[in-house]
Amino acid sequence: MAAADPHGEEYVKIIAIEDAIEAQLISSVLEDRGIPHQVYSFYDTAFNGLFQTQKGWGKLMAPPSFRDQVIGIVEDIRNNPPSSESIE
């Protein structure tokens, strides 16, 4: 069963997440912009992360009405990763 946001809209898979750092960065940007979302890791301790090698690190889910915004944000992050100079 899919989760639902406070407005009653069900969450759907929007994009695959490549790693934990990307998940944290994307989630932080989406929170700052008030976009409802959930990040799921495919890590399973019983299988020692086996599914992460097959499916990717995890997935990002959000209401379908936010799909274009989320994809735009993710593409921007992937195409313009933060540099160590921007942290200083």
N, C-alpha and C. Protein backbone atom coordinates (compact mmCIF):
# COMPACT_ATOMS: atom_id res chain seq x y z
N MET A 1 0.85 -1.19 0.00
CA MET A 1 0.00 0.00 0.00
C MET A 1 0.89 1.24 0.00
N ALA A 2 0.58 2.17 -0.81
CA ALA A 2 1.36 3.40 -0.91
C ALA A 2 0.99 4.35 0.23
N ALA A 3 1.96 5.13 0.64
CA ALA A 3 1.73 6.13 1.68
C ALA A 3 0.97 7.30 1.07
N ALA A 4 0.39 8.12 1.93
CA ALA A 4 -0.33 9.31 1.46
C ALA A 4 0.15 10.54 2.21
N ASP A 5 0.14 11.68 1.53
CA ASP A 5 0.55 12.92 2.19
C ASP A 5 -0.64 13.48 2.97
N PRO A 6 -0.43 14.53 3.76
CA PRO A 6 -1.52 15.09 4.57
C PRO A 6 -2.73 15.55 3.76
N HIS A 7 -2.54 15.79 2.47
CA HIS A 7 -3.65 16.25 1.62
C HIS A 7 -4.38 15.07 0.99
N GLY A 8 -4.00 13.85 1.33
CA GLY A 8 -4.68 12.67 0.85
C GLY A 8 -4.17 12.12 -0.47
N GLU A 9 -3.14 12.70 -1.03
CA GLU A 9 -2.60 12.23 -2.30
C GLU A 9 -1.61 11.09 -2.04
N GLU A 10 -1.73 9.98 -2.74
CA GLU A 10 -0.83 8.85 -2.54
C GLU A 10 0.55 9.15 -3.10
N TYR A 11 1.56 8.56 -2.48
CA TYR A 11 2.93 8.72 -2.94
C TYR A 11 3.21 7.64 -3.99
N VAL A 12 3.99 8.01 -4.99
CA VAL A 12 4.43 7.07 -6.02
C VAL A 12 5.95 7.21 -6.16
N LYS A 13 6.58 6.17 -6.72
CA LYS A 13 8.02 6.25 -6.95
C LYS A 13 8.28 7.29 -8.02
N ILE A 14 9.16 8.22 -7.70
CA ILE A 14 9.52 9.27 -8.64
C ILE A 14 10.85 8.96 -9.31
N ILE A 15 11.84 8.53 -8.52
CA ILE A 15 13.18 8.34 -9.06
C ILE A 15 13.97 7.38 -8.17
N ALA A 16 14.95 6.70 -8.76
CA ALA A 16 15.87 5.85 -8.01
C ALA A 16 16.97 6.73 -7.42
N ILE A 17 17.38 6.40 -6.22
CA ILE A 17 18.44 7.14 -5.53
C ILE A 17 19.74 6.34 -5.64
N GLU A 18 20.84 7.01 -5.93
CA GLU A 18 22.11 6.33 -6.18
C GLU A 18 22.87 5.95 -4.90
N ASP A 19 22.82 6.79 -3.86
CA ASP A 19 23.54 6.47 -2.64
C ASP A 19 22.99 7.29 -1.47
N ALA A 20 23.49 7.01 -0.28
CA ALA A 20 22.97 7.65 0.93
C ALA A 20 23.23 9.16 0.94
N ILE A 21 24.35 9.59 0.40
CA ILE A 21 24.66 11.02 0.38
C ILE A 21 23.69 11.76 -0.54
N GLU A 22 23.43 11.18 -1.70
CA GLU A 22 22.47 11.78 -2.61
C GLU A 22 21.09 11.83 -1.95
N ALA A 23 20.72 10.78 -1.24
CA ALA A 23 19.42 10.74 -0.56
C ALA A 23 19.31 11.87 0.45
N GLN A 24 20.34 12.10 1.23
CA GLN A 24 20.32 13.16 2.24
C GLN A 24 20.25 14.53 1.59
N LEU A 25 21.02 14.73 0.53
CA LEU A 25 21.05 16.03 -0.14
C LEU A 25 19.69 16.35 -0.78
N ILE A 26 19.15 15.39 -1.51
CA ILE A 26 17.85 15.60 -2.16
C ILE A 26 16.77 15.83 -1.12
N SER A 27 16.76 15.02 -0.07
CA SER A 27 15.74 15.16 0.97
C SER A 27 15.82 16.54 1.63
N SER A 28 17.04 17.02 1.86
CA SER A 28 17.23 18.34 2.47
C SER A 28 16.66 19.44 1.59
N VAL A 29 16.93 19.37 0.29
CA VAL A 29 16.43 20.40 -0.64
C VAL A 29 14.90 20.34 -0.71
N LEU A 30 14.35 19.12 -0.79
CA LEU A 30 12.89 18.99 -0.85
C LEU A 30 12.22 19.50 0.41
N GLU A 31 12.83 19.23 1.57
CA GLU A 31 12.28 19.75 2.83
C GLU A 31 12.31 21.27 2.84
N ASP A 32 13.43 21.86 2.40
CA ASP A 32 13.54 23.32 2.35
C ASP A 32 12.46 23.95 1.47
N ARG A 33 12.06 23.23 0.43
CA ARG A 33 11.05 23.75 -0.50
C ARG A 33 9.63 23.31 -0.15
N GLY A 34 9.49 22.59 0.95
CA GLY A 34 8.16 22.19 1.41
C GLY A 34 7.51 21.12 0.54
N ILE A 35 8.31 20.31 -0.12
CA ILE A 35 7.78 19.27 -1.00
C ILE A 35 7.68 17.97 -0.20
N PRO A 36 6.48 17.41 -0.07
CA PRO A 36 6.32 16.17 0.68
C PRO A 36 7.01 15.01 -0.06
N HIS A 37 7.71 14.18 0.68
CA HIS A 37 8.43 13.07 0.07
C HIS A 37 8.81 12.04 1.13
N GLN A 38 9.21 10.88 0.66
CA GLN A 38 9.76 9.84 1.52
C GLN A 38 10.90 9.18 0.77
N VAL A 39 11.97 8.86 1.49
CA VAL A 39 13.11 8.18 0.91
C VAL A 39 13.16 6.78 1.51
N TYR A 40 13.27 5.78 0.66
CA TYR A 40 13.36 4.39 1.10
C TYR A 40 14.67 3.79 0.65
N SER A 41 15.38 3.14 1.57
CA SER A 41 16.59 2.41 1.24
C SER A 41 16.22 0.96 0.93
N PHE A 42 16.90 0.38 -0.04
CA PHE A 42 16.69 -1.03 -0.35
C PHE A 42 17.58 -1.94 0.49
N TYR A 43 18.34 -1.35 1.43
CA TYR A 43 19.23 -2.18 2.25
C TYR A 43 18.42 -3.11 3.13
N ASP A 44 18.82 -4.35 3.17
CA ASP A 44 18.18 -5.36 4.00
C ASP A 44 19.28 -6.11 4.75
N THR A 45 19.27 -6.01 6.07
CA THR A 45 20.34 -6.64 6.86
C THR A 45 20.39 -8.15 6.65
N ALA A 46 19.26 -8.78 6.41
CA ALA A 46 19.25 -10.22 6.20
C ALA A 46 20.01 -10.63 4.95
N PHE A 47 20.05 -9.75 3.97
CA PHE A 47 20.73 -10.05 2.71
C PHE A 47 21.98 -9.20 2.51
N ASN A 48 22.39 -8.48 3.54
CA ASN A 48 23.61 -7.68 3.53
C ASN A 48 23.70 -6.74 2.33
N GLY A 49 22.60 -6.08 2.02
CA GLY A 49 22.61 -5.08 0.95
C GLY A 49 22.54 -5.64 -0.46
N LEU A 50 22.23 -6.91 -0.59
CA LEU A 50 22.18 -7.55 -1.91
C LEU A 50 21.28 -6.80 -2.89
N PHE A 51 20.12 -6.34 -2.43
CA PHE A 51 19.17 -5.68 -3.33
C PHE A 51 19.65 -4.30 -3.76
N GLN A 52 20.53 -3.68 -2.99
CA GLN A 52 21.05 -2.38 -3.39
C GLN A 52 21.94 -2.51 -4.63
N THR A 53 22.62 -3.63 -4.78
CA THR A 53 23.45 -3.81 -5.97
C THR A 53 22.59 -4.07 -7.20
N GLN A 54 21.38 -4.58 -6.99
CA GLN A 54 20.49 -4.88 -8.11
C GLN A 54 19.55 -3.72 -8.45
N LYS A 55 19.05 -3.04 -7.44
CA LYS A 55 18.02 -2.02 -7.65
C LYS A 55 18.52 -0.60 -7.46
N GLY A 56 19.72 -0.41 -6.97
CA GLY A 56 20.19 0.91 -6.60
C GLY A 56 20.06 1.09 -5.10
N TRP A 57 20.54 2.20 -4.58
CA TRP A 57 20.53 2.42 -3.14
C TRP A 57 19.12 2.46 -2.58
N GLY A 58 18.22 3.14 -3.28
CA GLY A 58 16.86 3.28 -2.77
C GLY A 58 15.98 4.02 -3.76
N LYS A 59 14.87 4.52 -3.25
CA LYS A 59 13.93 5.24 -4.11
C LYS A 59 13.36 6.44 -3.37
N LEU A 60 12.96 7.43 -4.15
CA LEU A 60 12.31 8.61 -3.61
C LEU A 60 10.85 8.57 -4.05
N MET A 61 9.95 8.72 -3.09
CA MET A 61 8.53 8.72 -3.38
C MET A 61 7.94 10.07 -3.00
N ALA A 62 6.96 10.50 -3.78
CA ALA A 62 6.29 11.77 -3.54
C ALA A 62 4.93 11.73 -4.23
N PRO A 63 4.05 12.66 -3.90
CA PRO A 63 2.77 12.73 -4.62
C PRO A 63 3.02 13.01 -6.10
N PRO A 64 2.22 12.41 -6.98
CA PRO A 64 2.41 12.62 -8.42
C PRO A 64 2.37 14.09 -8.84
N SER A 65 1.64 14.91 -8.13
CA SER A 65 1.55 16.33 -8.50
C SER A 65 2.88 17.06 -8.34
N PHE A 66 3.84 16.46 -7.61
CA PHE A 66 5.16 17.07 -7.41
C PHE A 66 6.22 16.44 -8.30
N ARG A 67 5.84 15.47 -9.16
CA ARG A 67 6.79 14.72 -9.97
C ARG A 67 7.75 15.63 -10.75
N ASP A 68 7.23 16.57 -11.50
CA ASP A 68 8.08 17.43 -12.34
C ASP A 68 9.04 18.26 -11.49
N GLN A 69 8.56 18.79 -10.37
CA GLN A 69 9.42 19.58 -9.48
C GLN A 69 10.54 18.72 -8.93
N VAL A 70 10.20 17.53 -8.45
CA VAL A 70 11.20 16.64 -7.86
C VAL A 70 12.23 16.23 -8.90
N ILE A 71 11.79 15.83 -10.07
CA ILE A 71 12.72 15.43 -11.12
C ILE A 71 13.65 16.59 -11.50
N GLY A 72 13.12 17.79 -11.59
CA GLY A 72 13.95 18.95 -11.89
C GLY A 72 15.00 19.19 -10.82
N ILE A 73 14.62 19.05 -9.56
CA ILE A 73 15.57 19.25 -8.46
C ILE A 73 16.65 18.17 -8.49
N VAL A 74 16.25 16.92 -8.68
CA VAL A 74 17.21 15.82 -8.72
C VAL A 74 18.17 15.99 -9.90
N GLU A 75 17.66 16.33 -11.06
CA GLU A 75 18.53 16.54 -12.22
C GLU A 75 19.51 17.68 -11.97
N ASP A 76 19.05 18.76 -11.34
CA ASP A 76 19.93 19.88 -11.03
C ASP A 76 21.03 19.46 -10.07
N ILE A 77 20.68 18.67 -9.05
CA ILE A 77 21.69 18.20 -8.09
C ILE A 77 22.68 17.28 -8.78
N ARG A 78 22.20 16.38 -9.61
CA ARG A 78 23.10 15.43 -10.28
C ARG A 78 23.99 16.12 -11.31
N ASN A 79 23.47 17.14 -11.97
CA ASN A 79 24.26 17.84 -12.99
C ASN A 79 25.17 18.91 -12.42
N ASN A 80 24.90 19.35 -11.20
CA ASN A 80 25.69 20.40 -10.55
C ASN A 80 25.99 20.01 -9.11
N PRO A 81 26.79 18.96 -8.91
CA PRO A 81 27.06 18.52 -7.53
C PRO A 81 27.80 19.61 -6.75
N PRO A 82 27.52 19.68 -5.44
CA PRO A 82 28.23 20.67 -4.63
C PRO A 82 29.72 20.36 -4.60
N SER A 83 30.54 21.39 -4.67
CA SER A 83 31.99 21.19 -4.62
C SER A 83 32.48 21.49 -3.21
N SER A 84 33.68 21.08 -2.93
CA SER A 84 34.27 21.35 -1.61
C SER A 84 34.47 22.84 -1.42
N GLU A 85 34.63 23.60 -2.51
CA GLU A 85 34.81 25.05 -2.42
C GLU A 85 33.53 25.73 -1.94
N SER A 86 32.36 25.19 -2.31
CA SER A 86 31.10 25.81 -1.91
C SER A 86 30.79 25.57 -0.43
N ILE A 87 31.48 24.61 0.17
CA ILE A 87 31.25 24.30 1.60
C ILE A 87 32.04 25.26 2.47
N GLU A 88 33.17 25.73 1.99
CA GLU A 88 34.03 26.60 2.80
C GLU A 88 33.45 27.96 3.01
